[in-house]
């Protein structure tokens, strides 16, 4: 009897993991269509940073990490910054739009509703945090911006815009996340100089 129960549990867990993998592959397929070239790498890199910061991250958190920016991959539904004078409001709208897309995607799969609800909550709050795991996702997303997004972001935008975006992103990092980002360096001298300016502004005693 106990062997039979154990086998049943293993089968259910295996089935759930297969579904999770299918979901992750569909998210990757969606994001590969983004017009922002670094989005596919950022999605996977954010998941990697989530696991680095929080090794016990469950399926919901990992799904949220992969899909937190999914709305940017659908051109006709993408939130445009020029529609917002307040950058935080723009980011809130971006999160909410990603939630709508991810909820529809996840509901196509036979998966525990608790996983869906948690992933949706985390995506809704990935920009500003609000819970232990939402804060982890916020940090992972922000670290990943400095890790893989920033060099290409700089090439698409002015120095002033890049400087603003770095300050905005750095300010919302936790102390732990800042200690990670502080070690980053960039091959582009102009970008690296701007980055060090941000670090020195936030860490006056730093010699970075």
Protein backbone atom coordinates (compact mmCIF):
# COMPACT_ATOMS: atom_id res chain seq x y z
CA UNK A 1 0.00 0.00 0.00
CA UNK A 2 2.73 2.49 0.99
CA UNK A 3 4.72 1.61 -2.14
CA UNK A 4 1.63 2.27 -4.26
CA UNK A 5 1.07 5.67 -2.61
CA UNK A 6 4.73 6.60 -3.10
CA UNK A 7 4.59 5.66 -6.77
CA UNK A 8 1.43 7.70 -7.24
CA UNK A 9 3.04 10.76 -5.61
CA UNK A 10 6.14 10.35 -7.78
CA UNK A 11 3.98 10.13 -10.90
CA UNK A 12 2.04 13.26 -9.98
CA UNK A 13 5.27 15.17 -9.26
CA UNK A 14 6.75 13.99 -12.56
CA UNK A 15 3.65 15.10 -14.46
CA UNK A 16 3.73 18.51 -12.79
CA UNK A 17 7.40 18.98 -13.64
CA UNK A 18 6.68 18.11 -17.26
CA UNK A 19 3.93 20.74 -17.35
CA UNK A 20 6.27 23.30 -15.76
CA UNK A 21 8.83 22.58 -18.45
CA UNK A 22 6.20 23.05 -21.16
CA UNK A 23 5.23 26.39 -19.62
CA UNK A 24 8.85 27.54 -19.50
CA UNK A 25 9.35 26.59 -23.15
CA UNK A 26 6.24 28.52 -24.18
CA UNK A 27 7.41 31.59 -22.24
CA UNK A 28 10.78 31.36 -23.98
CA UNK A 29 9.02 31.11 -27.34
CA UNK A 30 6.96 34.22 -26.57
CA UNK A 31 9.94 36.26 -25.43
CA UNK A 32 12.05 35.25 -28.42
CA UNK A 33 9.71 37.48 -30.47
CA UNK A 34 10.54 40.62 -28.50
CA UNK A 35 11.93 43.56 -30.43
CA UNK A 36 14.25 44.21 -27.48
CA UNK A 37 17.23 42.02 -28.44
CA UNK A 38 18.39 41.28 -24.90
CA UNK A 39 14.96 40.23 -23.59
CA UNK A 40 15.45 36.45 -24.13
CA UNK A 41 18.78 36.53 -22.31
CA UNK A 42 17.38 38.81 -19.59
CA UNK A 43 14.51 36.38 -18.96
CA UNK A 44 16.83 33.41 -18.40
CA UNK A 45 19.40 35.52 -16.57
CA UNK A 46 16.76 36.79 -14.15
CA UNK A 47 15.81 33.19 -13.37
CA UNK A 48 19.49 32.38 -12.81
CA UNK A 49 19.84 35.30 -10.40
CA UNK A 50 16.67 34.23 -8.55
CA UNK A 51 18.22 30.82 -7.95
CA UNK A 52 21.54 32.42 -6.98
CA UNK A 53 19.83 34.65 -4.42
CA UNK A 54 17.26 32.09 -3.27
CA UNK A 55 18.28 28.47 -4.06
CA UNK A 56 14.98 27.13 -2.70
CA UNK A 57 12.98 29.08 -5.30
CA UNK A 58 9.88 27.10 -6.24
CA UNK A 59 8.22 26.65 -9.64
CA UNK A 60 6.01 29.73 -9.27
CA UNK A 61 8.96 32.01 -8.57
CA UNK A 62 10.99 30.56 -11.43
CA UNK A 63 8.06 30.91 -13.85
CA UNK A 64 7.59 34.51 -12.71
CA UNK A 65 11.29 35.19 -13.27
CA UNK A 66 11.09 33.93 -16.85
CA UNK A 67 7.85 35.70 -17.71
CA UNK A 68 7.98 38.96 -15.77
CA UNK A 69 8.55 41.06 -18.92
CA UNK A 70 6.48 38.99 -21.33
CA UNK A 71 4.31 41.93 -22.41
CA UNK A 72 7.29 43.44 -24.21
CA UNK A 73 7.27 40.51 -26.64
CA UNK A 74 3.86 41.40 -28.09
CA UNK A 75 4.32 44.56 -30.14
CA UNK A 76 0.65 45.48 -30.41
CA UNK A 77 0.11 45.09 -26.63
CA UNK A 78 3.38 46.48 -25.36
CA UNK A 79 3.12 49.40 -22.93
CA UNK A 80 4.81 52.48 -24.37
CA UNK A 81 6.78 54.69 -22.02
CA UNK A 82 5.84 57.86 -23.87
CA UNK A 83 2.32 57.42 -22.58
CA UNK A 84 3.48 58.08 -19.00
CA UNK A 85 5.05 61.13 -17.40
CA UNK A 86 5.69 59.16 -14.20
CA UNK A 87 8.26 56.37 -14.71
CA UNK A 88 6.95 54.36 -11.75
CA UNK A 89 3.43 54.44 -13.22
CA UNK A 90 4.85 53.22 -16.52
CA UNK A 91 6.52 50.31 -14.74
CA UNK A 92 3.33 49.49 -12.84
CA UNK A 93 1.41 49.40 -16.13
CA UNK A 94 4.11 47.18 -17.62
CA UNK A 95 3.78 44.72 -14.71
CA UNK A 96 0.00 44.69 -14.93
CA UNK A 97 0.09 44.05 -18.66
CA UNK A 98 2.51 41.15 -18.22
CA UNK A 99 0.14 39.73 -15.60
CA UNK A 100 -2.76 39.72 -18.06
CA UNK A 101 -0.72 37.88 -20.68
CA UNK A 102 0.81 35.40 -18.25
CA UNK A 103 -2.51 34.58 -16.60
CA UNK A 104 -4.00 33.71 -19.98
CA UNK A 105 -0.95 31.60 -20.84
CA UNK A 106 -0.90 29.71 -17.54
CA UNK A 107 -4.61 28.97 -17.59
CA UNK A 108 -4.06 26.84 -20.69
CA UNK A 109 -2.20 24.30 -18.58
CA UNK A 110 -3.36 21.76 -16.03
CA UNK A 111 -1.42 23.13 -13.12
CA UNK A 112 -2.17 23.81 -9.47
CA UNK A 113 -4.06 27.09 -9.21
CA UNK A 114 -1.85 28.05 -6.27
CA UNK A 115 1.17 28.06 -8.60
CA UNK A 116 -0.68 30.29 -11.04
CA UNK A 117 -1.85 32.69 -8.34
CA UNK A 118 1.60 32.96 -6.81
CA UNK A 119 3.36 33.48 -10.16
CA UNK A 120 0.84 36.19 -11.05
CA UNK A 121 1.32 37.94 -7.69
CA UNK A 122 5.09 37.90 -8.13
CA UNK A 123 4.94 39.30 -11.66
CA UNK A 124 2.53 42.03 -10.54
CA UNK A 125 5.04 43.05 -7.87
CA UNK A 126 8.36 42.36 -9.61
CA UNK A 127 9.27 46.02 -10.02
CA UNK A 128 8.83 47.15 -6.42
CA UNK A 129 8.60 43.99 -4.31
CA UNK A 130 6.35 43.70 -1.27
CA UNK A 131 6.95 40.17 0.02
CA UNK A 132 10.06 38.07 0.63
CA UNK A 133 9.88 36.37 -2.75
CA UNK A 134 8.67 39.45 -4.63
CA UNK A 135 11.71 41.23 -3.21
CA UNK A 136 13.93 38.38 -4.45
CA UNK A 137 12.44 38.71 -7.94
CA UNK A 138 12.83 42.51 -7.84
CA UNK A 139 16.50 42.14 -6.96
CA UNK A 140 17.12 39.41 -9.55
CA UNK A 141 15.44 41.47 -12.27
CA UNK A 142 17.39 44.59 -11.34
CA UNK A 143 20.73 42.78 -11.06
CA UNK A 144 20.07 41.25 -14.47
CA UNK A 145 19.43 44.68 -15.95
CA UNK A 146 22.92 45.75 -14.92
CA UNK A 147 24.34 42.35 -15.83
CA UNK A 148 23.02 41.86 -19.37
CA UNK A 149 20.66 44.67 -20.42
CA UNK A 150 22.57 47.83 -19.69
CA UNK A 151 25.22 47.75 -22.46
CA UNK A 152 22.57 47.41 -25.18
CA UNK A 153 20.21 49.82 -23.43
CA UNK A 154 23.00 52.40 -23.54
CA UNK A 155 23.45 51.91 -27.28
CA UNK A 156 19.74 52.61 -27.89
CA UNK A 157 19.40 55.61 -25.58
CA UNK A 158 21.07 58.89 -24.67
CA UNK A 159 23.59 59.25 -21.87
CA UNK A 160 20.99 61.20 -19.89
CA UNK A 161 18.35 58.50 -20.26
CA UNK A 162 20.83 55.75 -19.39
CA UNK A 163 22.00 57.65 -16.33
CA UNK A 164 18.41 58.13 -15.17
CA UNK A 165 17.64 54.42 -15.70
CA UNK A 166 20.74 53.34 -13.78
CA UNK A 167 19.89 55.58 -10.82
CA UNK A 168 16.29 54.35 -10.81
CA UNK A 169 17.35 50.71 -10.97
CA UNK A 170 20.15 51.01 -8.44
CA UNK A 171 18.05 52.84 -5.86
CA UNK A 172 15.55 49.99 -5.59
CA UNK A 173 18.19 47.31 -5.03
CA UNK A 174 18.54 45.75 -1.60
CA UNK A 175 21.85 46.13 0.23
CA UNK A 176 22.77 42.58 -0.76
CA UNK A 177 21.95 43.17 -4.41
CA UNK A 178 23.92 46.42 -4.43
CA UNK A 179 26.98 44.56 -3.17
CA UNK A 180 26.71 42.32 -6.26
CA UNK A 181 26.09 45.11 -8.77
CA UNK A 182 28.91 47.20 -7.31
CA UNK A 183 31.38 44.68 -8.74
CA UNK A 184 30.17 45.03 -12.33
CA UNK A 185 32.32 46.76 -14.93
CA UNK A 186 31.68 47.63 -18.58
CA UNK A 187 33.95 47.56 -21.62
CA UNK A 188 32.41 50.76 -22.97
CA UNK A 189 34.38 53.52 -21.24
CA UNK A 190 31.58 56.08 -21.41
CA UNK A 191 29.07 53.63 -19.95
CA UNK A 192 31.48 52.50 -17.25
CA UNK A 193 32.15 56.11 -16.28
CA UNK A 194 28.42 56.78 -15.96
CA UNK A 195 28.02 53.61 -13.91
CA UNK A 196 30.83 54.58 -11.55
CA UNK A 197 29.20 57.98 -11.15
CA UNK A 198 26.03 56.24 -9.96
CA UNK A 199 28.05 54.08 -7.55
CA UNK A 200 29.96 57.04 -6.14
CA UNK A 201 26.77 59.03 -5.70
CA UNK A 202 25.28 56.18 -3.64
CA UNK A 203 28.52 55.17 -1.95
CA UNK A 204 30.49 58.40 -1.36
CA UNK A 205 33.41 56.59 0.27
CA UNK A 206 33.73 54.12 -2.62
CA UNK A 207 36.78 54.31 -4.81
CA UNK A 208 35.01 52.51 -7.68
